[in-house]
């Protein structure tokens, strides 16, 4: 699942990126 919005958030906020990565691992 790779939505443009999520990618934008990843680029925009490192913290959100960490959370997203954690979610993916889970």
PDB file of N, CA and C in Angstrom:
ATOM      1  N   UNK A   1       0.859  -1.209   0.000  1.00  0.00           N
ATOM      2  CA  UNK A   1       0.000   0.000   0.000  1.00  0.00           C
ATOM      3  C   UNK A   1       0.885   1.246   0.000  1.00  0.00           C
ATOM      4  N   UNK A   2       0.894   1.958  -1.084  1.00  0.00           N
ATOM      5  CA  UNK A   2       1.716   3.176  -1.147  1.00  0.00           C
ATOM      6  C   UNK A   2       0.896   4.316  -1.726  1.00  0.00           C
ATOM      7  N   UNK A   3       0.308   5.102  -0.839  1.00  0.00           N
ATOM      8  CA  UNK A   3      -0.512   6.225  -1.310  1.00  0.00           C
ATOM      9  C   UNK A   3       0.338   7.486  -1.373  1.00  0.00           C
ATOM     10  N   UNK A   4       0.115   8.317  -2.347  1.00  0.00           N
ATOM     11  CA  UNK A   4       0.881   9.575  -2.479  1.00  0.00           C
ATOM     12  C   UNK A   4       0.833  10.390  -1.200  1.00  0.00           C
ATOM     13  N   UNK A   5      -0.320  10.403  -0.567  1.00  0.00           N
ATOM     14  CA  UNK A   5      -0.450  11.194   0.673  1.00  0.00           C
ATOM     15  C   UNK A   5       0.540  10.706   1.714  1.00  0.00           C
ATOM     16  N   UNK A   6       0.619   9.399   1.860  1.00  0.00           N
ATOM     17  CA  UNK A   6       1.519   8.852   2.860  1.00  0.00           C
ATOM     18  C   UNK A   6       2.969   9.211   2.530  1.00  0.00           C
ATOM     19  N   UNK A   7       3.305   9.102   1.278  1.00  0.00           N
ATOM     20  CA  UNK A   7       4.673   9.453   0.861  1.00  0.00           C
ATOM     21  C   UNK A   7       4.951  10.919   1.190  1.00  0.00           C
ATOM     22  N   UNK A   8       3.975  11.766   0.927  1.00  0.00           N
ATOM     23  CA  UNK A   8       4.157  13.203   1.217  1.00  0.00           C
ATOM     24  C   UNK A   8       4.396  13.396   2.712  1.00  0.00           C
ATOM     25  N   UNK A   9       3.596  12.721   3.522  1.00  0.00           N
ATOM     26  CA  UNK A   9       3.753  12.847   4.972  1.00  0.00           C
ATOM     27  C   UNK A   9       5.140  12.351   5.376  1.00  0.00           C
ATOM     28  N   UNK A  10       5.545  11.249   4.789  1.00  0.00           N
ATOM     29  CA  UNK A  10       6.874  10.709   5.096  1.00  0.00           C
ATOM     30  C   UNK A  10       7.934  11.771   4.851  1.00  0.00           C
ATOM     31  N   UNK A  11       7.842  12.414   3.700  1.00  0.00           N
ATOM     32  CA  UNK A  11       8.836  13.436   3.346  1.00  0.00           C
ATOM     33  C   UNK A  11       8.720  14.634   4.286  1.00  0.00           C
ATOM     34  N   UNK A  12       7.489  14.942   4.653  1.00  0.00           N
ATOM     35  CA  UNK A  12       7.241  16.165   5.421  1.00  0.00           C
ATOM     36  C   UNK A  12       7.631  16.012   6.887  1.00  0.00           C
ATOM     37  N   UNK A  13       7.277  14.858   7.476  1.00  0.00           N
ATOM     38  CA  UNK A  13       7.506  14.709   8.911  1.00  0.00           C
ATOM     39  C   UNK A  13       8.281  13.427   9.230  1.00  0.00           C
ATOM     40  N   UNK A  14       9.524  13.558   9.678  1.00  0.00           N
ATOM     41  CA  UNK A  14      10.341  12.384  10.043  1.00  0.00           C
ATOM     42  C   UNK A  14       9.657  11.531  11.102  1.00  0.00           C
ATOM     43  N   UNK A  15       8.971  12.180  12.043  1.00  0.00           N
ATOM     44  CA  UNK A  15       8.290  11.442  13.110  1.00  0.00           C
ATOM     45  C   UNK A  15       7.197  10.571  12.501  1.00  0.00           C
ATOM     46  N   UNK A  16       6.428  11.163  11.627  1.00  0.00           N
ATOM     47  CA  UNK A  16       5.356  10.396  10.964  1.00  0.00           C
ATOM     48  C   UNK A  16       5.978   9.246  10.184  1.00  0.00           C
ATOM     49  N   UNK A  17       7.117   9.509   9.595  1.00  0.00           N
ATOM     50  CA  UNK A  17       7.809   8.473   8.827  1.00  0.00           C
ATOM     51  C   UNK A  17       8.133   7.287   9.747  1.00  0.00           C
ATOM     52  N   UNK A  18       8.676   7.587  10.905  1.00  0.00           N
ATOM     53  CA  UNK A  18       9.004   6.521  11.865  1.00  0.00           C
ATOM     54  C   UNK A  18       7.755   5.717  12.198  1.00  0.00           C
ATOM     55  N   UNK A  19       6.664   6.427  12.470  1.00  0.00           N
ATOM     56  CA  UNK A  19       5.406   5.755  12.819  1.00  0.00           C
ATOM     57  C   UNK A  19       4.941   4.879  11.663  1.00  0.00           C
ATOM     58  N   UNK A  20       5.049   5.391  10.472  1.00  0.00           N
ATOM     59  CA  UNK A  20       4.612   4.631   9.296  1.00  0.00           C
ATOM     60  C   UNK A  20       5.458   3.367   9.147  1.00  0.00           C
ATOM     61  N   UNK A  21       6.749   3.510   9.307  1.00  0.00           N
ATOM     62  CA  UNK A  21       7.636   2.348   9.187  1.00  0.00           C
ATOM     63  C   UNK A  21       7.251   1.318  10.241  1.00  0.00           C
ATOM     64  N   UNK A  22       6.999   1.763  11.443  1.00  0.00           N
ATOM     65  CA  UNK A  22       6.613   0.864  12.524  1.00  0.00           C
ATOM     66  C   UNK A  22       5.333   0.125  12.151  1.00  0.00           C
ATOM     67  N   UNK A  23       4.388   0.857  11.596  1.00  0.00           N
ATOM     68  CA  UNK A  23       3.112   0.264  11.170  1.00  0.00           C
ATOM     69  C   UNK A  23       3.365  -0.811  10.118  1.00  0.00           C
ATOM     70  N   UNK A  24       4.249  -0.509   9.181  1.00  0.00           N
ATOM     71  CA  UNK A  24       4.532  -1.466   8.099  1.00  0.00           C
ATOM     72  C   UNK A  24       5.147  -2.737   8.678  1.00  0.00           C
ATOM     73  N   UNK A  25       6.073  -2.570   9.620  1.00  0.00           N
ATOM     74  CA  UNK A  25       6.725  -3.733  10.233  1.00  0.00           C
ATOM     75  C   UNK A  25       5.680  -4.566  10.972  1.00  0.00           C
ATOM     76  N   UNK A  26       4.788  -3.856  11.662  1.00  0.00           N
ATOM     77  CA  UNK A  26       3.725  -4.562  12.393  1.00  0.00           C
ATOM     78  C   UNK A  26       2.815  -5.209  11.379  1.00  0.00           C
TER      79      UNK A  26
END
